[in-house]
Amino acid sequence: ALLYLMTREQRAVRQQGESDMAGSRWYLRTTPLSTGNALLQSVDIEVSLHEDFSSVIQSRRAWFSAVGGQQ
């Protein structure tokens, strides 16, 4: 959900963070990808229980409009 609140400039930069939920510390990172299309942004989102991401639990790709919306 936070990706939707970020500006397109923030989504274009790799982000990393952590959160405590359900008695575990979760690590997350986003990696922007080139789409070859000036109208689209793409971001890979990875979640792990390991700070070094040696074992990724979940990986998803999200697509966003690169025009309009939040500046």
N, C-alpha and C. Protein backbone atom coordinates (compact mmCIF):
# COMPACT_ATOMS: atom_id res chain seq x y z
N ALA A 1 0.82 -1.19 0.00
CA ALA A 1 0.00 0.00 0.00
C ALA A 1 0.86 1.25 0.00
N LEU A 2 2.01 1.21 0.66
CA LEU A 2 2.86 2.39 0.70
C LEU A 2 3.40 2.77 -0.66
N LEU A 3 3.59 1.78 -1.55
CA LEU A 3 4.08 2.10 -2.89
C LEU A 3 3.12 3.02 -3.62
N TYR A 4 1.83 2.86 -3.38
CA TYR A 4 0.84 3.71 -4.04
C TYR A 4 0.89 5.14 -3.51
N LEU A 5 1.38 5.33 -2.29
CA LEU A 5 1.47 6.66 -1.70
C LEU A 5 2.77 7.36 -2.07
N MET A 6 3.73 6.62 -2.59
CA MET A 6 5.01 7.21 -2.95
C MET A 6 4.89 7.97 -4.27
N THR A 7 5.72 8.98 -4.43
CA THR A 7 5.77 9.68 -5.71
C THR A 7 6.50 8.80 -6.72
N ARG A 8 6.35 9.11 -7.98
CA ARG A 8 7.04 8.30 -9.00
C ARG A 8 8.55 8.41 -8.85
N GLU A 9 9.04 9.56 -8.36
CA GLU A 9 10.48 9.71 -8.14
C GLU A 9 10.96 8.78 -7.02
N GLN A 10 10.16 8.64 -5.96
CA GLN A 10 10.52 7.73 -4.86
C GLN A 10 10.49 6.28 -5.32
N ARG A 11 9.52 5.92 -6.18
CA ARG A 11 9.44 4.54 -6.68
C ARG A 11 10.59 4.21 -7.61
N ALA A 12 11.24 5.23 -8.19
CA ALA A 12 12.32 5.01 -9.14
C ALA A 12 13.65 4.72 -8.45
N VAL A 13 13.67 4.76 -7.12
CA VAL A 13 14.89 4.52 -6.34
C VAL A 13 14.70 3.27 -5.48
N ARG A 14 15.72 2.45 -5.41
CA ARG A 14 15.65 1.24 -4.57
C ARG A 14 15.40 1.63 -3.12
N GLN A 15 14.46 0.93 -2.49
CA GLN A 15 14.10 1.19 -1.09
C GLN A 15 14.29 -0.11 -0.30
N GLN A 16 14.58 0.02 0.98
CA GLN A 16 14.70 -1.14 1.85
C GLN A 16 14.21 -0.76 3.24
N GLY A 17 13.57 -1.71 3.93
CA GLY A 17 13.06 -1.42 5.27
C GLY A 17 12.78 -2.69 6.03
N GLU A 18 12.22 -2.52 7.22
CA GLU A 18 11.88 -3.66 8.07
C GLU A 18 10.65 -3.31 8.89
N SER A 19 9.97 -4.37 9.33
CA SER A 19 8.77 -4.18 10.14
C SER A 19 8.59 -5.39 11.05
N ASP A 20 8.12 -5.16 12.27
CA ASP A 20 7.82 -6.25 13.19
C ASP A 20 6.33 -6.57 13.11
N MET A 21 6.02 -7.82 12.78
CA MET A 21 4.64 -8.28 12.69
C MET A 21 4.57 -9.75 13.09
N ALA A 22 3.52 -10.11 13.79
CA ALA A 22 3.25 -11.50 14.15
C ALA A 22 4.45 -12.15 14.85
N GLY A 23 5.14 -11.38 15.69
CA GLY A 23 6.25 -11.92 16.45
C GLY A 23 7.53 -12.14 15.66
N SER A 24 7.60 -11.63 14.44
CA SER A 24 8.80 -11.78 13.61
C SER A 24 9.21 -10.43 13.05
N ARG A 25 10.48 -10.31 12.74
CA ARG A 25 10.96 -9.12 12.03
C ARG A 25 11.00 -9.47 10.54
N TRP A 26 10.33 -8.65 9.74
CA TRP A 26 10.24 -8.86 8.30
C TRP A 26 11.07 -7.78 7.60
N TYR A 27 11.80 -8.19 6.58
CA TYR A 27 12.61 -7.26 5.80
C TYR A 27 12.00 -7.16 4.41
N LEU A 28 11.95 -5.95 3.89
CA LEU A 28 11.38 -5.76 2.57
C LEU A 28 12.26 -4.82 1.77
N ARG A 29 12.23 -5.02 0.46
CA ARG A 29 12.95 -4.12 -0.42
C ARG A 29 12.20 -4.00 -1.74
N THR A 30 12.34 -2.86 -2.34
CA THR A 30 11.76 -2.62 -3.65
C THR A 30 12.89 -2.30 -4.62
N THR A 31 12.78 -2.84 -5.81
CA THR A 31 13.78 -2.62 -6.84
C THR A 31 13.08 -2.12 -8.10
N PRO A 32 13.35 -0.89 -8.54
CA PRO A 32 12.72 -0.39 -9.76
C PRO A 32 13.29 -1.11 -10.98
N LEU A 33 12.44 -1.32 -11.97
CA LEU A 33 12.84 -1.99 -13.20
C LEU A 33 12.56 -1.09 -14.39
N SER A 34 13.38 -1.21 -15.40
CA SER A 34 13.14 -0.47 -16.63
C SER A 34 12.05 -1.18 -17.42
N THR A 35 11.07 -0.42 -17.89
CA THR A 35 9.98 -1.02 -18.66
C THR A 35 10.15 -0.80 -20.15
N GLY A 36 11.01 0.13 -20.53
CA GLY A 36 11.14 0.46 -21.94
C GLY A 36 9.95 1.27 -22.44
N ASN A 37 9.11 1.72 -21.52
CA ASN A 37 7.91 2.47 -21.87
C ASN A 37 7.85 3.69 -20.94
N ALA A 38 7.88 4.87 -21.51
CA ALA A 38 7.89 6.10 -20.71
C ALA A 38 6.61 6.30 -19.91
N LEU A 39 5.56 5.54 -20.22
CA LEU A 39 4.28 5.70 -19.52
C LEU A 39 4.13 4.78 -18.33
N LEU A 40 5.04 3.79 -18.18
CA LEU A 40 4.91 2.80 -17.11
C LEU A 40 6.15 2.73 -16.24
N GLN A 41 5.92 2.52 -14.95
CA GLN A 41 6.99 2.19 -14.01
C GLN A 41 6.71 0.78 -13.49
N SER A 42 7.76 0.04 -13.23
CA SER A 42 7.62 -1.29 -12.66
C SER A 42 8.55 -1.42 -11.46
N VAL A 43 8.07 -2.09 -10.41
CA VAL A 43 8.84 -2.26 -9.18
C VAL A 43 8.71 -3.70 -8.71
N ASP A 44 9.83 -4.35 -8.43
CA ASP A 44 9.81 -5.67 -7.79
C ASP A 44 9.83 -5.46 -6.28
N ILE A 45 9.00 -6.21 -5.57
CA ILE A 45 8.89 -6.13 -4.12
C ILE A 45 9.26 -7.50 -3.56
N GLU A 46 10.23 -7.53 -2.64
CA GLU A 46 10.66 -8.79 -2.04
C GLU A 46 10.54 -8.71 -0.52
N VAL A 47 10.14 -9.84 0.09
CA VAL A 47 9.98 -9.93 1.54
C VAL A 47 10.79 -11.13 2.03
N SER A 48 11.50 -10.93 3.15
CA SER A 48 12.34 -11.99 3.71
C SER A 48 12.35 -11.89 5.23
N LEU A 49 12.67 -12.99 5.88
CA LEU A 49 12.91 -13.00 7.32
C LEU A 49 14.39 -12.77 7.63
N HIS A 50 15.20 -12.69 6.57
CA HIS A 50 16.65 -12.52 6.72
C HIS A 50 17.08 -11.16 6.19
N GLU A 51 17.85 -10.44 7.00
CA GLU A 51 18.28 -9.09 6.62
C GLU A 51 19.07 -9.07 5.32
N ASP A 52 19.80 -10.14 5.03
CA ASP A 52 20.59 -10.20 3.80
C ASP A 52 19.80 -10.75 2.60
N PHE A 53 18.52 -11.03 2.80
CA PHE A 53 17.62 -11.55 1.76
C PHE A 53 18.14 -12.85 1.17
N SER A 54 18.85 -13.65 1.99
CA SER A 54 19.37 -14.93 1.52
C SER A 54 18.25 -15.90 1.18
N SER A 55 17.10 -15.71 1.75
CA SER A 55 15.93 -16.54 1.44
C SER A 55 14.71 -15.61 1.33
N VAL A 56 14.27 -15.39 0.11
CA VAL A 56 13.12 -14.51 -0.13
C VAL A 56 11.84 -15.34 0.00
N ILE A 57 10.94 -14.88 0.86
CA ILE A 57 9.67 -15.58 1.09
C ILE A 57 8.66 -15.28 0.00
N GLN A 58 8.61 -14.03 -0.41
CA GLN A 58 7.62 -13.60 -1.39
C GLN A 58 8.23 -12.55 -2.31
N SER A 59 7.91 -12.63 -3.58
CA SER A 59 8.36 -11.65 -4.55
C SER A 59 7.20 -11.32 -5.47
N ARG A 60 6.96 -10.04 -5.67
CA ARG A 60 5.87 -9.59 -6.53
C ARG A 60 6.33 -8.42 -7.39
N ARG A 61 5.71 -8.27 -8.54
CA ARG A 61 5.98 -7.12 -9.41
C ARG A 61 4.73 -6.25 -9.46
N ALA A 62 4.94 -4.95 -9.30
CA ALA A 62 3.83 -3.99 -9.37
C ALA A 62 4.10 -3.02 -10.51
N TRP A 63 3.02 -2.59 -11.16
CA TRP A 63 3.11 -1.65 -12.27
C TRP A 63 2.37 -0.37 -11.90
N PHE A 64 2.94 0.77 -12.29
CA PHE A 64 2.36 2.07 -11.97
C PHE A 64 2.43 2.96 -13.20
N SER A 65 1.49 3.87 -13.29
CA SER A 65 1.55 4.90 -14.32
C SER A 65 2.70 5.84 -14.00
N ALA A 66 3.48 6.18 -15.00
CA ALA A 66 4.60 7.10 -14.81
C ALA A 66 4.17 8.54 -15.08
N VAL A 67 2.91 8.73 -15.40
CA VAL A 67 2.38 10.08 -15.66
C VAL A 67 1.16 10.30 -14.79
N GLY A 68 0.87 11.56 -14.51
CA GLY A 68 -0.32 11.88 -13.72
C GLY A 68 -0.15 11.47 -12.28
N GLY A 69 -1.21 11.53 -11.51
CA GLY A 69 -1.18 11.14 -10.11
C GLY A 69 -0.29 12.05 -9.30
N GLN A 70 0.29 11.49 -8.23
CA GLN A 70 1.15 12.29 -7.36
C GLN A 70 2.41 12.71 -8.08
N GLN A 71 2.81 13.91 -7.85
CA GLN A 71 4.03 14.43 -8.46
C GLN A 71 5.14 14.25 -7.51
